[in-house]
Amino acid sequence: MFCHLNYSIDKNFFRNQFWKKYDNGFWHVEKGKELKFWWKVFGIKDIIFPIISDLGLENMDINPRFSYQLENTRLPDHIDIDRIVGINFNLQPKTPSIHLKGKEYPYECCLVDVGSILHSVEPVQFPRLVLKLAIREKWADVYKILDEKGLIDHNETEKINPTYKTYNSLLSEQDKMFIK
């Protein structure tokens, strides 16, 4: 459900790209209401494609975006629609985290099953800026490609998620009500 990745990107370059493209973004909308603390910028596949290719994911259904969340704000427990698998790249100097089933997982670059696991983003004293690859493919397929390329950081992942190798992505009936 969560794996650290052995992969880094040029944070300054992508942070600058976010600010260049900022005016093309919009507030996230949930149930017809704008969440005026979570800004998203889409339409960035041209600048992200070298990363996608380097990761070996060029034949997958990927919708990349910048996700900017204001400090001291919370994204409540939810499951992402379309069963997406995410690859998140932190673009800020401070390390963000995601909470999965109430447990905190700090990351710089991670693979996370946000389409099956109840997760939240808890308030912190700094804004978050994340480059997210939203992948509409099976967890096992994405994991296998990244693992074969040596991009799963097994040592760091095992420290915080010791059962990750036996993880099976399933959306439980009881969790379906949290899909947003």
N, C-alpha and C. Protein backbone atom coordinates (compact mmCIF):
# COMPACT_ATOMS: atom_id res chain seq x y z
N MET A 1 0.81 -1.20 0.00
CA MET A 1 0.00 0.00 0.00
C MET A 1 0.84 1.26 0.00
N PHE A 2 2.10 1.16 0.46
CA PHE A 2 3.02 2.29 0.48
C PHE A 2 4.44 1.77 0.32
N CYS A 3 5.18 2.38 -0.61
CA CYS A 3 6.59 2.03 -0.79
C CYS A 3 7.39 3.31 -1.04
N HIS A 4 8.52 3.41 -0.38
CA HIS A 4 9.47 4.47 -0.72
C HIS A 4 10.12 4.09 -2.04
N LEU A 5 10.42 5.12 -2.84
CA LEU A 5 11.09 4.88 -4.11
C LEU A 5 12.50 5.46 -4.11
N ASN A 6 13.40 4.77 -4.77
CA ASN A 6 14.77 5.24 -5.01
C ASN A 6 14.76 6.07 -6.28
N TYR A 7 14.22 7.25 -6.20
CA TYR A 7 14.14 8.09 -7.39
C TYR A 7 14.03 9.53 -6.94
N SER A 8 14.76 10.39 -7.58
CA SER A 8 14.66 11.81 -7.23
C SER A 8 14.54 12.63 -8.50
N ILE A 9 13.96 13.80 -8.34
CA ILE A 9 13.78 14.72 -9.46
C ILE A 9 14.35 16.08 -9.06
N ASP A 10 14.47 16.95 -10.01
CA ASP A 10 14.97 18.30 -9.78
C ASP A 10 13.83 19.13 -9.18
N LYS A 11 13.79 19.22 -7.86
CA LYS A 11 12.70 19.92 -7.18
C LYS A 11 12.57 21.36 -7.64
N ASN A 12 13.70 22.06 -7.77
CA ASN A 12 13.64 23.47 -8.18
C ASN A 12 13.00 23.62 -9.56
N PHE A 13 13.40 22.77 -10.50
CA PHE A 13 12.84 22.84 -11.85
C PHE A 13 11.32 22.67 -11.80
N PHE A 14 10.86 21.63 -11.11
CA PHE A 14 9.42 21.34 -11.11
C PHE A 14 8.64 22.34 -10.25
N ARG A 15 9.26 22.84 -9.21
CA ARG A 15 8.61 23.89 -8.42
C ARG A 15 8.42 25.14 -9.30
N ASN A 16 9.44 25.49 -10.08
CA ASN A 16 9.33 26.63 -11.00
C ASN A 16 8.27 26.37 -12.07
N GLN A 17 8.19 25.14 -12.56
CA GLN A 17 7.17 24.79 -13.54
C GLN A 17 5.77 24.96 -12.95
N PHE A 18 5.61 24.56 -11.69
CA PHE A 18 4.31 24.74 -11.04
C PHE A 18 3.93 26.22 -11.03
N TRP A 19 4.84 27.08 -10.60
CA TRP A 19 4.52 28.51 -10.52
C TRP A 19 4.31 29.11 -11.90
N LYS A 20 5.01 28.62 -12.92
CA LYS A 20 4.80 29.08 -14.29
C LYS A 20 3.39 28.74 -14.78
N LYS A 21 2.92 27.58 -14.38
CA LYS A 21 1.64 27.08 -14.87
C LYS A 21 0.50 27.30 -13.85
N TYR A 22 0.80 27.98 -12.77
CA TYR A 22 -0.16 28.16 -11.68
C TYR A 22 -1.52 28.68 -12.17
N ASP A 23 -1.51 29.67 -13.03
CA ASP A 23 -2.76 30.30 -13.49
C ASP A 23 -3.62 29.36 -14.32
N ASN A 24 -3.07 28.23 -14.75
CA ASN A 24 -3.87 27.25 -15.50
C ASN A 24 -4.58 26.27 -14.56
N GLY A 25 -4.38 26.42 -13.26
CA GLY A 25 -4.97 25.49 -12.30
C GLY A 25 -6.32 25.94 -11.77
N PHE A 26 -6.80 25.19 -10.78
CA PHE A 26 -8.10 25.48 -10.17
C PHE A 26 -8.16 24.82 -8.80
N TRP A 27 -9.08 25.32 -7.98
CA TRP A 27 -9.32 24.70 -6.68
C TRP A 27 -10.00 23.36 -6.90
N HIS A 28 -9.64 22.40 -6.10
CA HIS A 28 -10.30 21.09 -6.16
C HIS A 28 -11.77 21.28 -5.81
N VAL A 29 -12.63 20.58 -6.53
CA VAL A 29 -14.07 20.66 -6.28
C VAL A 29 -14.55 19.31 -5.77
N GLU A 30 -15.27 19.36 -4.67
CA GLU A 30 -15.83 18.14 -4.08
C GLU A 30 -17.30 18.38 -3.76
N LYS A 31 -18.16 17.55 -4.35
CA LYS A 31 -19.61 17.68 -4.16
C LYS A 31 -20.09 19.09 -4.48
N GLY A 32 -19.55 19.65 -5.58
CA GLY A 32 -19.96 20.96 -6.05
C GLY A 32 -19.38 22.14 -5.28
N LYS A 33 -18.53 21.87 -4.31
CA LYS A 33 -17.96 22.94 -3.50
C LYS A 33 -16.45 23.02 -3.73
N GLU A 34 -15.95 24.25 -3.96
CA GLU A 34 -14.52 24.44 -4.12
C GLU A 34 -13.82 24.33 -2.77
N LEU A 35 -12.76 23.55 -2.73
CA LEU A 35 -11.94 23.47 -1.53
C LEU A 35 -10.81 24.48 -1.71
N LYS A 36 -10.98 25.67 -1.16
CA LYS A 36 -10.06 26.78 -1.41
C LYS A 36 -8.80 26.67 -0.56
N PHE A 37 -8.27 25.47 -0.51
CA PHE A 37 -6.98 25.23 0.14
C PHE A 37 -6.18 24.19 -0.64
N TRP A 38 -6.79 23.65 -1.72
CA TRP A 38 -6.14 22.58 -2.48
C TRP A 38 -6.18 22.93 -3.96
N TRP A 39 -5.08 23.43 -4.48
CA TRP A 39 -4.95 23.90 -5.86
C TRP A 39 -4.33 22.81 -6.72
N LYS A 40 -4.90 22.57 -7.89
CA LYS A 40 -4.38 21.54 -8.79
C LYS A 40 -4.07 22.15 -10.15
N VAL A 41 -2.99 21.67 -10.74
CA VAL A 41 -2.60 22.09 -12.09
C VAL A 41 -2.39 20.82 -12.92
N PHE A 42 -3.19 20.70 -13.98
CA PHE A 42 -3.09 19.56 -14.90
C PHE A 42 -2.42 20.01 -16.20
N GLY A 43 -2.42 19.17 -17.19
CA GLY A 43 -1.88 19.53 -18.50
C GLY A 43 -0.37 19.67 -18.50
N ILE A 44 0.31 18.78 -17.77
CA ILE A 44 1.76 18.90 -17.63
C ILE A 44 2.49 17.66 -18.16
N LYS A 45 1.79 16.84 -18.92
CA LYS A 45 2.40 15.59 -19.37
C LYS A 45 3.66 15.81 -20.20
N ASP A 46 3.72 16.92 -20.94
CA ASP A 46 4.89 17.19 -21.77
C ASP A 46 6.16 17.34 -20.94
N ILE A 47 6.08 17.99 -19.78
CA ILE A 47 7.28 18.16 -18.95
C ILE A 47 7.54 16.96 -18.05
N ILE A 48 6.53 16.12 -17.88
CA ILE A 48 6.64 14.96 -16.99
C ILE A 48 7.03 13.69 -17.76
N PHE A 49 6.82 13.68 -19.06
CA PHE A 49 7.04 12.44 -19.81
C PHE A 49 8.44 11.84 -19.63
N PRO A 50 9.51 12.64 -19.54
CA PRO A 50 10.82 12.00 -19.30
C PRO A 50 10.85 11.19 -17.99
N ILE A 51 10.16 11.64 -16.96
CA ILE A 51 10.09 10.89 -15.71
C ILE A 51 9.30 9.60 -15.92
N ILE A 52 8.15 9.73 -16.56
CA ILE A 52 7.31 8.56 -16.82
C ILE A 52 8.10 7.51 -17.59
N SER A 53 8.82 7.94 -18.59
CA SER A 53 9.63 7.04 -19.40
C SER A 53 10.76 6.41 -18.57
N ASP A 54 11.43 7.24 -17.78
CA ASP A 54 12.51 6.75 -16.93
C ASP A 54 12.02 5.70 -15.93
N LEU A 55 10.80 5.86 -15.46
CA LEU A 55 10.21 4.91 -14.52
C LEU A 55 9.73 3.63 -15.22
N GLY A 56 9.68 3.65 -16.56
CA GLY A 56 9.21 2.49 -17.31
C GLY A 56 7.70 2.39 -17.39
N LEU A 57 7.01 3.53 -17.20
CA LEU A 57 5.55 3.52 -17.13
C LEU A 57 4.89 4.17 -18.34
N GLU A 58 5.63 4.35 -19.44
CA GLU A 58 5.12 5.10 -20.57
C GLU A 58 3.89 4.48 -21.25
N ASN A 59 3.63 3.21 -21.06
CA ASN A 59 2.46 2.58 -21.67
C ASN A 59 1.26 2.51 -20.73
N MET A 60 1.33 3.23 -19.63
CA MET A 60 0.24 3.21 -18.65
C MET A 60 -0.62 4.46 -18.76
N ASP A 61 -1.84 4.35 -18.22
CA ASP A 61 -2.80 5.45 -18.20
C ASP A 61 -2.46 6.35 -17.00
N ILE A 62 -1.76 7.46 -17.29
CA ILE A 62 -1.26 8.34 -16.23
C ILE A 62 -1.76 9.76 -16.47
N ASN A 63 -2.27 10.37 -15.41
CA ASN A 63 -2.71 11.75 -15.47
C ASN A 63 -1.91 12.54 -14.43
N PRO A 64 -0.80 13.15 -14.84
CA PRO A 64 0.04 13.86 -13.87
C PRO A 64 -0.56 15.22 -13.51
N ARG A 65 -0.21 15.68 -12.31
CA ARG A 65 -0.67 16.98 -11.87
C ARG A 65 0.22 17.50 -10.76
N PHE A 66 0.19 18.81 -10.60
CA PHE A 66 0.75 19.44 -9.41
C PHE A 66 -0.38 19.58 -8.42
N SER A 67 -0.09 19.31 -7.18
CA SER A 67 -1.07 19.44 -6.11
C SER A 67 -0.47 20.33 -5.02
N TYR A 68 -1.12 21.46 -4.77
CA TYR A 68 -0.63 22.43 -3.79
C TYR A 68 -1.68 22.57 -2.69
N GLN A 69 -1.27 22.33 -1.47
CA GLN A 69 -2.19 22.42 -0.34
C GLN A 69 -1.66 23.44 0.67
N LEU A 70 -2.53 24.38 1.03
CA LEU A 70 -2.14 25.42 1.98
C LEU A 70 -1.80 24.84 3.34
N GLU A 71 -0.93 25.54 4.07
CA GLU A 71 -0.54 25.11 5.41
C GLU A 71 -1.77 25.08 6.33
N ASN A 72 -1.69 24.25 7.37
CA ASN A 72 -2.73 24.13 8.40
C ASN A 72 -4.09 23.72 7.85
N THR A 73 -4.09 22.94 6.78
CA THR A 73 -5.35 22.44 6.22
C THR A 73 -5.30 20.92 6.18
N ARG A 74 -6.48 20.34 6.12
CA ARG A 74 -6.59 18.88 6.20
C ARG A 74 -7.45 18.35 5.06
N LEU A 75 -6.98 17.30 4.42
CA LEU A 75 -7.81 16.53 3.50
C LEU A 75 -8.33 15.35 4.31
N PRO A 76 -9.63 15.29 4.54
CA PRO A 76 -10.17 14.23 5.39
C PRO A 76 -10.02 12.84 4.76
N ASP A 77 -10.27 11.82 5.57
CA ASP A 77 -10.20 10.44 5.11
C ASP A 77 -11.01 10.26 3.83
N HIS A 78 -10.38 9.64 2.85
CA HIS A 78 -11.05 9.37 1.58
C HIS A 78 -10.27 8.30 0.81
N ILE A 79 -10.90 7.83 -0.26
CA ILE A 79 -10.27 6.92 -1.21
C ILE A 79 -10.46 7.56 -2.58
N ASP A 80 -9.40 7.63 -3.36
CA ASP A 80 -9.47 8.29 -4.66
C ASP A 80 -10.30 7.47 -5.64
N ILE A 81 -11.08 8.19 -6.41
CA ILE A 81 -11.94 7.58 -7.40
C ILE A 81 -11.09 6.90 -8.48
N ASP A 82 -11.64 5.95 -9.16
CA ASP A 82 -10.99 5.23 -10.27
C ASP A 82 -9.88 4.31 -9.82
N ARG A 83 -9.82 3.99 -8.52
CA ARG A 83 -8.83 3.02 -8.02
C ARG A 83 -7.40 3.39 -8.40
N ILE A 84 -7.06 4.67 -8.39
CA ILE A 84 -5.74 5.07 -8.84
C ILE A 84 -4.64 4.66 -7.87
N VAL A 85 -3.48 4.50 -8.47
CA VAL A 85 -2.23 4.30 -7.74
C VAL A 85 -1.46 5.59 -7.95
N GLY A 86 -0.86 6.11 -6.90
CA GLY A 86 -0.14 7.37 -7.03
C GLY A 86 1.35 7.20 -6.84
N ILE A 87 2.09 7.99 -7.60
CA ILE A 87 3.50 8.20 -7.31
C ILE A 87 3.60 9.68 -6.96
N ASN A 88 4.03 9.96 -5.74
CA ASN A 88 4.12 11.33 -5.24
C ASN A 88 5.57 11.74 -5.10
N PHE A 89 5.88 12.93 -5.60
CA PHE A 89 7.20 13.53 -5.48
C PHE A 89 7.06 14.81 -4.66
N ASN A 90 7.72 14.90 -3.53
CA ASN A 90 7.73 16.13 -2.75
C ASN A 90 8.56 17.18 -3.47
N LEU A 91 8.01 18.40 -3.60
CA LEU A 91 8.74 19.48 -4.25
C LEU A 91 9.15 20.58 -3.28
N GLN A 92 8.89 20.40 -2.01
CA GLN A 92 9.21 21.40 -1.00
C GLN A 92 10.46 21.00 -0.21
N PRO A 93 11.06 21.95 0.51
CA PRO A 93 12.21 21.62 1.35
C PRO A 93 11.85 20.72 2.54
N LYS A 94 10.65 20.89 3.08
CA LYS A 94 10.22 20.06 4.22
C LYS A 94 9.51 18.82 3.71
N THR A 95 9.64 17.74 4.47
CA THR A 95 9.08 16.44 4.07
C THR A 95 7.60 16.34 4.44
N PRO A 96 6.75 16.07 3.45
CA PRO A 96 5.33 15.86 3.74
C PRO A 96 5.08 14.42 4.18
N SER A 97 3.85 14.15 4.53
CA SER A 97 3.46 12.77 4.83
C SER A 97 2.03 12.56 4.39
N ILE A 98 1.68 11.31 4.27
CA ILE A 98 0.32 10.90 3.99
C ILE A 98 -0.06 9.95 5.11
N HIS A 99 -1.29 9.97 5.53
CA HIS A 99 -1.78 9.06 6.57
C HIS A 99 -2.63 7.98 5.90
N LEU A 100 -2.23 6.74 6.10
CA LEU A 100 -2.96 5.59 5.56
C LEU A 100 -3.52 4.81 6.73
N LYS A 101 -4.84 4.69 6.74
CA LYS A 101 -5.52 4.01 7.85
C LYS A 101 -5.04 4.57 9.19
N GLY A 102 -4.85 5.90 9.25
CA GLY A 102 -4.47 6.57 10.49
C GLY A 102 -2.99 6.58 10.82
N LYS A 103 -2.17 5.87 10.04
CA LYS A 103 -0.73 5.83 10.31
C LYS A 103 0.00 6.80 9.37
N GLU A 104 0.96 7.53 9.93
CA GLU A 104 1.70 8.53 9.17
C GLU A 104 2.85 7.89 8.39
N TYR A 105 2.96 8.29 7.11
CA TYR A 105 4.04 7.83 6.23
C TYR A 105 4.71 9.06 5.59
N PRO A 106 5.82 9.53 6.17
CA PRO A 106 6.58 10.62 5.54
C PRO A 106 7.25 10.11 4.26
N TYR A 107 7.45 11.01 3.30
CA TYR A 107 8.07 10.58 2.04
C TYR A 107 8.71 11.75 1.30
N GLU A 108 9.65 11.41 0.47
CA GLU A 108 10.18 12.31 -0.55
C GLU A 108 9.66 11.87 -1.92
N CYS A 109 9.68 10.56 -2.14
CA CYS A 109 9.12 9.98 -3.37
C CYS A 109 8.53 8.63 -2.97
N CYS A 110 7.26 8.42 -3.32
CA CYS A 110 6.62 7.18 -2.89
C CYS A 110 5.61 6.67 -3.91
N LEU A 111 5.35 5.40 -3.80
CA LEU A 111 4.28 4.72 -4.50
C LEU A 111 3.22 4.43 -3.45
N VAL A 112 1.97 4.83 -3.71
CA VAL A 112 0.93 4.67 -2.70
C VAL A 112 -0.40 4.29 -3.36
N ASP A 113 -1.10 3.36 -2.75
CA ASP A 113 -2.37 2.86 -3.28
C ASP A 113 -3.52 3.71 -2.73
N VAL A 114 -3.69 4.90 -3.29
CA VAL A 114 -4.73 5.81 -2.82
C VAL A 114 -6.11 5.46 -3.35
N GLY A 115 -6.19 4.49 -4.26
CA GLY A 115 -7.47 4.06 -4.80
C GLY A 115 -8.08 2.88 -4.08
N SER A 116 -7.42 2.37 -3.05
CA SER A 116 -7.94 1.25 -2.27
C SER A 116 -7.85 1.47 -0.77
N ILE A 117 -6.98 2.37 -0.35
CA ILE A 117 -6.70 2.55 1.07
C ILE A 117 -7.24 3.89 1.56
N LEU A 118 -7.93 3.85 2.67
CA LEU A 118 -8.43 5.06 3.31
C LEU A 118 -7.23 5.90 3.74
N HIS A 119 -7.19 7.16 3.28
CA HIS A 119 -6.04 8.01 3.57
C HIS A 119 -6.49 9.46 3.79
N SER A 120 -5.59 10.21 4.42
CA SER A 120 -5.83 11.63 4.67
C SER A 120 -4.51 12.37 4.60
N VAL A 121 -4.62 13.69 4.57
CA VAL A 121 -3.45 14.56 4.68
C VAL A 121 -3.74 15.47 5.86
N GLU A 122 -2.94 15.33 6.88
CA GLU A 122 -3.16 16.05 8.13
C GLU A 122 -2.48 17.42 8.10
N PRO A 123 -2.99 18.37 8.88
CA PRO A 123 -2.43 19.73 8.88
C PRO A 123 -0.97 19.78 9.34
N VAL A 124 -0.21 20.61 8.66
CA VAL A 124 1.17 20.91 9.04
C VAL A 124 1.39 22.41 8.88
N GLN A 125 2.49 22.90 9.40
CA GLN A 125 2.77 24.34 9.43
C GLN A 125 3.36 24.88 8.13
N PHE A 126 3.39 24.09 7.08
CA PHE A 126 3.96 24.54 5.81
C PHE A 126 3.06 24.09 4.66
N PRO A 127 3.09 24.84 3.54
CA PRO A 127 2.31 24.40 2.38
C PRO A 127 2.97 23.17 1.75
N ARG A 128 2.16 22.34 1.16
CA ARG A 128 2.66 21.15 0.47
C ARG A 128 2.59 21.39 -1.03
N LEU A 129 3.62 20.97 -1.71
CA LEU A 129 3.60 20.98 -3.16
C LEU A 129 4.12 19.63 -3.62
N VAL A 130 3.26 18.91 -4.30
CA VAL A 130 3.55 17.54 -4.72
C VAL A 130 3.33 17.42 -6.22
N LEU A 131 4.24 16.77 -6.88
CA LEU A 131 4.03 16.32 -8.25
C LEU A 131 3.47 14.91 -8.13
N LYS A 132 2.26 14.71 -8.64
CA LYS A 132 1.60 13.41 -8.49
C LYS A 132 1.37 12.80 -9.87
N LEU A 133 1.75 11.54 -9.98
CA LEU A 133 1.38 10.73 -11.13
C LEU A 133 0.19 9.90 -10.70
N ALA A 134 -0.99 10.22 -11.20
CA ALA A 134 -2.20 9.44 -10.91
C ALA A 134 -2.31 8.37 -11.98
N ILE A 135 -2.11 7.14 -11.58
CA ILE A 135 -2.00 6.02 -12.52
C ILE A 135 -3.24 5.14 -12.41
N ARG A 136 -3.95 5.02 -13.50
CA ARG A 136 -5.16 4.19 -13.54
C ARG A 136 -4.81 2.79 -14.05
N GLU A 137 -4.05 2.11 -13.22
CA GLU A 137 -3.59 0.75 -13.52
C GLU A 137 -3.58 -0.02 -12.20
N LYS A 138 -3.40 -1.32 -12.29
CA LYS A 138 -3.37 -2.15 -11.08
C LYS A 138 -2.09 -1.91 -10.29
N TRP A 139 -2.25 -1.90 -8.96
CA TRP A 139 -1.11 -1.74 -8.05
C TRP A 139 0.00 -2.73 -8.40
N ALA A 140 -0.38 -4.00 -8.55
CA ALA A 140 0.62 -5.06 -8.78
C ALA A 140 1.42 -4.80 -10.05
N ASP A 141 0.78 -4.28 -11.09
CA ASP A 141 1.48 -4.01 -12.35
C ASP A 141 2.48 -2.87 -12.19
N VAL A 142 2.07 -1.80 -11.51
CA VAL A 142 2.96 -0.66 -11.30
C VAL A 142 4.13 -1.08 -10.40
N TYR A 143 3.80 -1.77 -9.31
CA TYR A 143 4.83 -2.23 -8.37
C TYR A 143 5.87 -3.09 -9.09
N LYS A 144 5.39 -4.03 -9.91
CA LYS A 144 6.30 -4.95 -10.60
C LYS A 144 7.28 -4.20 -11.50
N ILE A 145 6.79 -3.25 -12.26
CA ILE A 145 7.67 -2.48 -13.16
C ILE A 145 8.71 -1.73 -12.35
N LEU A 146 8.27 -1.04 -11.30
CA LEU A 146 9.21 -0.25 -10.49
C LEU A 146 10.22 -1.15 -9.78
N ASP A 147 9.75 -2.31 -9.31
CA ASP A 147 10.66 -3.23 -8.62
C ASP A 147 11.69 -3.80 -9.59
N GLU A 148 11.26 -4.18 -10.78
CA GLU A 148 12.19 -4.72 -11.78
C GLU A 148 13.25 -3.70 -12.19
N LYS A 149 12.91 -2.43 -12.12
CA LYS A 149 13.87 -1.37 -12.44
C LYS A 149 14.72 -0.97 -11.23
N GLY A 150 14.50 -1.65 -10.09
CA GLY A 150 15.28 -1.36 -8.88
C GLY A 150 14.89 -0.06 -8.19
N LEU A 151 13.67 0.39 -8.41
CA LEU A 151 13.24 1.68 -7.88
C LEU A 151 12.50 1.60 -6.54
N ILE A 152 12.11 0.40 -6.12
CA ILE A 152 11.50 0.26 -4.80
C ILE A 152 12.63 0.26 -3.77
N ASP A 153 12.54 1.14 -2.80
CA ASP A 153 13.54 1.18 -1.72
C ASP A 153 13.08 0.19 -0.64
N HIS A 154 13.53 -1.05 -0.79
CA HIS A 154 13.08 -2.12 0.10
C HIS A 154 13.49 -1.87 1.55
N ASN A 155 14.69 -1.36 1.79
CA ASN A 155 15.15 -1.13 3.16
C ASN A 155 14.28 -0.11 3.89
N GLU A 156 14.06 1.03 3.26
CA GLU A 156 13.26 2.08 3.91
C GLU A 156 11.80 1.69 4.01
N THR A 157 11.28 1.02 3.00
CA THR A 157 9.88 0.60 3.02
C THR A 157 9.62 -0.42 4.12
N GLU A 158 10.50 -1.38 4.26
CA GLU A 158 10.30 -2.42 5.27
C GLU A 158 10.29 -1.86 6.69
N LYS A 159 11.05 -0.78 6.92
CA LYS A 159 11.09 -0.17 8.25
C LYS A 159 9.72 0.33 8.70
N ILE A 160 8.93 0.85 7.77
CA ILE A 160 7.64 1.42 8.17
C ILE A 160 6.45 0.60 7.69
N ASN A 161 6.69 -0.35 6.82
CA ASN A 161 5.61 -1.15 6.24
C ASN A 161 6.11 -2.57 6.01
N PRO A 162 6.35 -3.31 7.08
CA PRO A 162 7.02 -4.62 6.96
C PRO A 162 6.29 -5.67 6.13
N THR A 163 5.00 -5.52 5.90
CA THR A 163 4.26 -6.53 5.14
C THR A 163 4.01 -6.11 3.69
N TYR A 164 4.73 -5.11 3.22
CA TYR A 164 4.46 -4.55 1.89
C TYR A 164 4.60 -5.56 0.76
N LYS A 165 5.48 -6.54 0.91
CA LYS A 165 5.70 -7.51 -0.17
C LYS A 165 4.50 -8.43 -0.38
N THR A 166 3.68 -8.59 0.62
CA THR A 166 2.50 -9.46 0.49
C THR A 166 1.22 -8.66 0.30
N TYR A 167 1.34 -7.35 0.11
CA TYR A 167 0.16 -6.50 -0.04
C TYR A 167 -0.61 -6.85 -1.31
N ASN A 168 -1.93 -6.93 -1.18
CA ASN A 168 -2.82 -7.18 -2.29
C ASN A 168 -3.84 -6.04 -2.31
N SER A 169 -3.89 -5.30 -3.38
CA SER A 169 -4.77 -4.14 -3.49
C SER A 169 -6.23 -4.57 -3.66
N LEU A 170 -6.99 -4.37 -2.61
CA LEU A 170 -8.42 -4.68 -2.62
C LEU A 170 -9.19 -3.52 -2.02
N LEU A 171 -10.28 -3.16 -2.64
CA LEU A 171 -11.17 -2.14 -2.09
C LEU A 171 -12.29 -2.86 -1.37
N SER A 172 -12.33 -2.70 -0.06
CA SER A 172 -13.35 -3.42 0.72
C SER A 172 -14.72 -2.77 0.54
N GLU A 173 -15.74 -3.56 0.72
CA GLU A 173 -17.12 -3.06 0.62
C GLU A 173 -17.36 -1.92 1.61
N GLN A 174 -16.85 -2.08 2.82
CA GLN A 174 -17.07 -1.06 3.85
C GLN A 174 -16.38 0.26 3.53
N ASP A 175 -15.30 0.21 2.72
CA ASP A 175 -14.56 1.43 2.38
C ASP A 175 -15.11 2.14 1.15
N LYS A 176 -16.00 1.52 0.40
CA LYS A 176 -16.51 2.14 -0.82
C LYS A 176 -17.22 3.47 -0.58
N MET A 177 -17.76 3.64 0.61
CA MET A 177 -18.45 4.89 0.94
C MET A 177 -17.48 6.08 1.04
N PHE A 178 -16.18 5.82 1.12
CA PHE A 178 -15.19 6.89 1.24
C PHE A 178 -14.62 7.33 -0.11
N ILE A 179 -15.08 6.74 -1.20
CA ILE A 179 -14.57 7.12 -2.52
C ILE A 179 -15.02 8.53 -2.86
N LYS A 180 -14.03 9.35 -3.24
CA LYS A 180 -14.33 10.74 -3.64
C LYS A 180 -13.56 11.10 -4.87
